[in-house]
Amino acid sequence: MAIDKSSVGPIEILAVEFPGSQFKGEIVPALKELVDQGIINILDLVFVTKDLDGTVASLELSQLSTDESAAYGELGVDEDDIDGLINDEDLEMAGEVMDPGDSAAILVWEDLWAIKVRDAIRNAGGKVLALDRVPQEAVDEVLDALAEA
């Protein structure tokens, strides 16, 4: 299936580790709210586990049990949408940095909110020179310093 590249918004990938494989329920409703509001479109979600002996394994949504996948099904993940966004290198990287006994989720989403801005930049003949995400720790440090001033 050919996808019109001009219709796809910017895509982000996030890997989140859960110490002791302790998933909590706050993440799925927060993501679902963003999906329902048309802010993001979740393209892929893969779970990674690292056993105490260091063995790393990954599970796609389609490999989860019905009970396990029920909550994530609400996110509207279409694994056939754009295949290959999470690859073996991503899984290996996650496994290398994870602690034994932990689990992780690797999530890929499309920033639907950014499509109009991207199109406006292109239509104005502009080009993005740099785009990066400021780490939350850096923002916290600046805010703490401002609060102390």
C-alpha atoms as a PDB file:
ATOM      1  CA  MET A   1       0.000   0.000   0.000  1.00  0.00           C
ATOM      2  CA  ALA A   2       1.457   3.366  -1.001  1.00  0.00           C
ATOM      3  CA  ILE A   3       1.100   6.132   1.556  1.00  0.00           C
ATOM      4  CA  ASP A   4       1.028   9.780   0.503  1.00  0.00           C
ATOM      5  CA  LYS A   5       4.125  11.165   2.289  1.00  0.00           C
ATOM      6  CA  SER A   6       2.713  14.687   2.344  1.00  0.00           C
ATOM      7  CA  SER A   7      -0.191  13.545   4.499  1.00  0.00           C
ATOM      8  CA  VAL A   8       1.977  12.032   7.256  1.00  0.00           C
ATOM      9  CA  GLY A   9       2.817  14.271  10.179  1.00  0.00           C
ATOM     10  CA  PRO A  10       6.109  14.323  12.071  1.00  0.00           C
ATOM     11  CA  ILE A  11       6.781  11.012  13.798  1.00  0.00           C
ATOM     12  CA  GLU A  12       8.273  10.498  17.253  1.00  0.00           C
ATOM     13  CA  ILE A  13       9.558   7.439  19.082  1.00  0.00           C
ATOM     14  CA  LEU A  14       9.664   7.013  22.841  1.00  0.00           C
ATOM     15  CA  ALA A  15      11.103   4.198  24.937  1.00  0.00           C
ATOM     16  CA  VAL A  16       9.973   4.035  28.569  1.00  0.00           C
ATOM     17  CA  GLU A  17      11.425   1.625  31.123  1.00  0.00           C
ATOM     18  CA  PHE A  18       9.316   0.238  33.962  1.00  0.00           C
ATOM     19  CA  PRO A  19      11.493  -0.867  36.900  1.00  0.00           C
ATOM     20  CA  GLY A  20      10.497  -4.277  38.184  1.00  0.00           C
ATOM     21  CA  SER A  21       8.118  -4.579  35.229  1.00  0.00           C
ATOM     22  CA  GLN A  22       5.555  -2.537  37.172  1.00  0.00           C
ATOM     23  CA  PHE A  23       3.175  -1.040  34.636  1.00  0.00           C
ATOM     24  CA  LYS A  24       0.656   1.426  36.022  1.00  0.00           C
ATOM     25  CA  GLY A  25      -2.670   2.344  34.510  1.00  0.00           C
ATOM     26  CA  GLU A  26      -2.138   6.070  33.945  1.00  0.00           C
ATOM     27  CA  ILE A  27      -0.378   5.813  30.598  1.00  0.00           C
ATOM     28  CA  VAL A  28      -3.096   4.272  28.414  1.00  0.00           C
ATOM     29  CA  PRO A  29      -5.863   6.757  29.361  1.00  0.00           C
ATOM     30  CA  ALA A  30      -3.466   9.695  28.840  1.00  0.00           C
ATOM     31  CA  LEU A  31      -2.529   8.409  25.382  1.00  0.00           C
ATOM     32  CA  LYS A  32      -6.156   7.622  24.522  1.00  0.00           C
ATOM     33  CA  GLU A  33      -7.131  11.200  25.361  1.00  0.00           C
ATOM     34  CA  LEU A  34      -4.503  12.513  22.917  1.00  0.00           C
ATOM     35  CA  VAL A  35      -5.704  10.097  20.233  1.00  0.00           C
ATOM     36  CA  ASP A  36      -9.368  10.992  20.807  1.00  0.00           C
ATOM     37  CA  GLN A  37      -8.566  14.707  20.553  1.00  0.00           C
ATOM     38  CA  GLY A  38      -6.764  14.193  17.231  1.00  0.00           C
ATOM     39  CA  ILE A  39      -3.434  15.364  18.637  1.00  0.00           C
ATOM     40  CA  ILE A  40      -1.525  12.141  17.922  1.00  0.00           C
ATOM     41  CA  ASN A  41      -1.976   8.928  15.975  1.00  0.00           C
ATOM     42  CA  ILE A  42      -0.273   5.918  17.518  1.00  0.00           C
ATOM     43  CA  LEU A  43       1.490   3.952  14.809  1.00  0.00           C
ATOM     44  CA  ASP A  44       3.257   1.189  16.732  1.00  0.00           C
ATOM     45  CA  LEU A  45       3.761  -0.138  20.228  1.00  0.00           C
ATOM     46  CA  VAL A  46       6.199  -2.878  21.222  1.00  0.00           C
ATOM     47  CA  PHE A  47       6.925  -4.258  24.672  1.00  0.00           C
ATOM     48  CA  VAL A  48      10.440  -5.318  25.672  1.00  0.00           C
ATOM     49  CA  THR A  49      11.381  -7.442  28.668  1.00  0.00           C
ATOM     50  CA  LYS A  50      14.767  -8.184  30.172  1.00  0.00           C
ATOM     51  CA  ASP A  51      14.930 -11.253  32.388  1.00  0.00           C
ATOM     52  CA  LEU A  52      17.142 -11.385  35.448  1.00  0.00           C
ATOM     53  CA  ASP A  53      19.659 -13.431  33.429  1.00  0.00           C
ATOM     54  CA  GLY A  54      19.832 -10.628  30.823  1.00  0.00           C
ATOM     55  CA  THR A  55      17.726 -12.317  28.149  1.00  0.00           C
ATOM     56  CA  VAL A  56      15.836  -9.718  26.122  1.00  0.00           C
ATOM     57  CA  ALA A  57      12.529 -10.455  24.395  1.00  0.00           C
ATOM     58  CA  SER A  58       9.998  -8.309  22.584  1.00  0.00           C
ATOM     59  CA  LEU A  59       6.264  -8.605  22.081  1.00  0.00           C
ATOM     60  CA  GLU A  60       4.110  -6.896  19.481  1.00  0.00           C
ATOM     61  CA  LEU A  61       0.534  -6.032  20.401  1.00  0.00           C
ATOM     62  CA  SER A  62      -0.683  -8.936  18.288  1.00  0.00           C
ATOM     63  CA  GLN A  63       1.340 -11.338  20.470  1.00  0.00           C
ATOM     64  CA  LEU A  64      -0.287 -10.293  23.755  1.00  0.00           C
ATOM     65  CA  SER A  65      -3.096 -12.290  25.302  1.00  0.00           C
ATOM     66  CA  THR A  66      -6.617 -10.977  24.839  1.00  0.00           C
ATOM     67  CA  ASP A  67      -6.682  -9.706  28.432  1.00  0.00           C
ATOM     68  CA  GLU A  68      -3.272  -8.022  28.103  1.00  0.00           C
ATOM     69  CA  SER A  69      -4.080  -6.317  24.824  1.00  0.00           C
ATOM     70  CA  ALA A  70      -7.591  -5.138  25.792  1.00  0.00           C
ATOM     71  CA  ALA A  71      -6.452  -1.814  27.286  1.00  0.00           C
ATOM     72  CA  TYR A  72      -4.048  -1.090  24.456  1.00  0.00           C
ATOM     73  CA  GLY A  73      -6.662  -1.861  21.797  1.00  0.00           C
ATOM     74  CA  GLU A  74      -8.443   1.333  22.824  1.00  0.00           C
ATOM     75  CA  LEU A  75      -5.491   3.311  21.438  1.00  0.00           C
ATOM     76  CA  GLY A  76      -6.341   2.447  17.848  1.00  0.00           C
ATOM     77  CA  VAL A  77      -2.874   1.130  17.009  1.00  0.00           C
ATOM     78  CA  ASP A  78      -2.849  -0.098  13.430  1.00  0.00           C
ATOM     79  CA  GLU A  79       0.300  -2.194  13.110  1.00  0.00           C
ATOM     80  CA  ASP A  80      -0.190  -2.333   9.338  1.00  0.00           C
ATOM     81  CA  ASP A  81      -0.332   1.483   9.037  1.00  0.00           C
ATOM     82  CA  ILE A  82       3.392   2.196   8.561  1.00  0.00           C
ATOM     83  CA  ASP A  83       5.355  -0.982   9.183  1.00  0.00           C
ATOM     84  CA  GLY A  84       9.008  -1.010  10.194  1.00  0.00           C
ATOM     85  CA  LEU A  85       9.190   2.114  12.343  1.00  0.00           C
ATOM     86  CA  ILE A  86      10.423   0.048  15.313  1.00  0.00           C
ATOM     87  CA  ASN A  87      13.222  -2.185  14.124  1.00  0.00           C
ATOM     88  CA  ASP A  88      15.640  -4.725  15.599  1.00  0.00           C
ATOM     89  CA  GLU A  89      18.195  -1.979  16.352  1.00  0.00           C
ATOM     90  CA  ASP A  90      15.624  -0.137  18.485  1.00  0.00           C
ATOM     91  CA  LEU A  91      14.864  -3.338  20.391  1.00  0.00           C
ATOM     92  CA  GLU A  92      18.562  -4.109  20.882  1.00  0.00           C
ATOM     93  CA  MET A  93      19.239  -0.564  22.127  1.00  0.00           C
ATOM     94  CA  ALA A  94      16.407  -0.816  24.638  1.00  0.00           C
ATOM     95  CA  GLY A  95      17.671  -4.186  25.843  1.00  0.00           C
ATOM     96  CA  GLU A  96      21.202  -2.864  26.296  1.00  0.00           C
ATOM     97  CA  VAL A  97      20.187   0.040  28.523  1.00  0.00           C
ATOM     98  CA  MET A  98      17.435  -1.724  30.481  1.00  0.00           C
ATOM     99  CA  ASP A  99      18.118  -3.198  33.901  1.00  0.00           C
ATOM    100  CA  PRO A 100      17.558  -6.937  34.401  1.00  0.00           C
ATOM    101  CA  GLY A 101      14.020  -7.663  35.618  1.00  0.00           C
ATOM    102  CA  ASP A 102      12.587  -4.551  33.978  1.00  0.00           C
ATOM    103  CA  SER A 103      10.208  -4.070  31.085  1.00  0.00           C
ATOM    104  CA  ALA A 104       9.867  -1.276  28.569  1.00  0.00           C
ATOM    105  CA  ALA A 105       7.410   0.013  26.030  1.00  0.00           C
ATOM    106  CA  ILE A 106       8.547   1.502  22.739  1.00  0.00           C
ATOM    107  CA  LEU A 107       5.916   3.753  21.269  1.00  0.00           C
ATOM    108  CA  VAL A 108       5.815   5.442  17.862  1.00  0.00           C
ATOM    109  CA  TRP A 109       3.289   8.174  17.180  1.00  0.00           C
ATOM    110  CA  GLU A 110       2.472  10.722  14.515  1.00  0.00           C
ATOM    111  CA  ASP A 111       2.120  14.337  15.652  1.00  0.00           C
ATOM    112  CA  LEU A 112      -1.141  15.255  13.937  1.00  0.00           C
ATOM    113  CA  TRP A 113      -1.099  18.705  15.586  1.00  0.00           C
ATOM    114  CA  ALA A 114       2.103  19.586  13.717  1.00  0.00           C
ATOM    115  CA  ILE A 115       0.886  18.913  10.175  1.00  0.00           C
ATOM    116  CA  LYS A 116      -0.546  22.430   9.662  1.00  0.00           C
ATOM    117  CA  VAL A 117       2.628  24.055  10.976  1.00  0.00           C
ATOM    118  CA  ARG A 118       4.805  21.842   8.777  1.00  0.00           C
ATOM    119  CA  ASP A 119       2.679  22.637   5.724  1.00  0.00           C
ATOM    120  CA  ALA A 120       2.778  26.379   6.487  1.00  0.00           C
ATOM    121  CA  ILE A 121       6.572  26.251   6.726  1.00  0.00           C
ATOM    122  CA  ARG A 122       6.819  24.391   3.409  1.00  0.00           C
ATOM    123  CA  ASN A 123       4.315  26.699   1.682  1.00  0.00           C
ATOM    124  CA  ALA A 124       6.287  29.741   2.870  1.00  0.00           C
ATOM    125  CA  GLY A 125       9.459  28.288   1.332  1.00  0.00           C
ATOM    126  CA  GLY A 126      10.975  27.722   4.750  1.00  0.00           C
ATOM    127  CA  LYS A 127      12.980  24.770   5.946  1.00  0.00           C
ATOM    128  CA  VAL A 128      13.558  23.513   9.454  1.00  0.00           C
ATOM    129  CA  LEU A 129      17.166  24.061  10.519  1.00  0.00           C
ATOM    130  CA  ALA A 130      16.931  22.218  13.828  1.00  0.00           C
ATOM    131  CA  LEU A 131      14.306  20.456  15.889  1.00  0.00           C
ATOM    132  CA  ASP A 132      14.952  18.857  19.241  1.00  0.00           C
ATOM    133  CA  ARG A 133      13.150  18.101  22.464  1.00  0.00           C
ATOM    134  CA  VAL A 134      14.429  19.770  25.629  1.00  0.00           C
ATOM    135  CA  PRO A 135      14.834  17.044  28.290  1.00  0.00           C
ATOM    136  CA  GLN A 136      12.415  17.433  31.203  1.00  0.00           C
ATOM    137  CA  GLU A 137      15.350  17.403  33.626  1.00  0.00           C
ATOM    138  CA  ALA A 138      16.790  20.516  31.957  1.00  0.00           C
ATOM    139  CA  VAL A 139      13.424  22.304  32.139  1.00  0.00           C
ATOM    140  CA  ASP A 140      13.101  21.363  35.818  1.00  0.00           C
ATOM    141  CA  GLU A 141      16.587  22.728  36.567  1.00  0.00           C
ATOM    142  CA  VAL A 142      15.794  26.081  34.931  1.00  0.00           C
ATOM    143  CA  LEU A 143      12.441  26.353  36.709  1.00  0.00           C
ATOM    144  CA  ASP A 144      14.050  25.470  40.054  1.00  0.00           C
ATOM    145  CA  ALA A 145      16.751  28.112  39.499  1.00  0.00           C
ATOM    146  CA  LEU A 146      14.110  30.724  38.636  1.00  0.00           C
ATOM    147  CA  ALA A 147      12.112  29.837  41.753  1.00  0.00           C
ATOM    148  CA  GLU A 148      15.222  30.333  43.907  1.00  0.00           C
ATOM    149  CA  ALA A 149      16.076  33.713  42.340  1.00  0.00           C
END
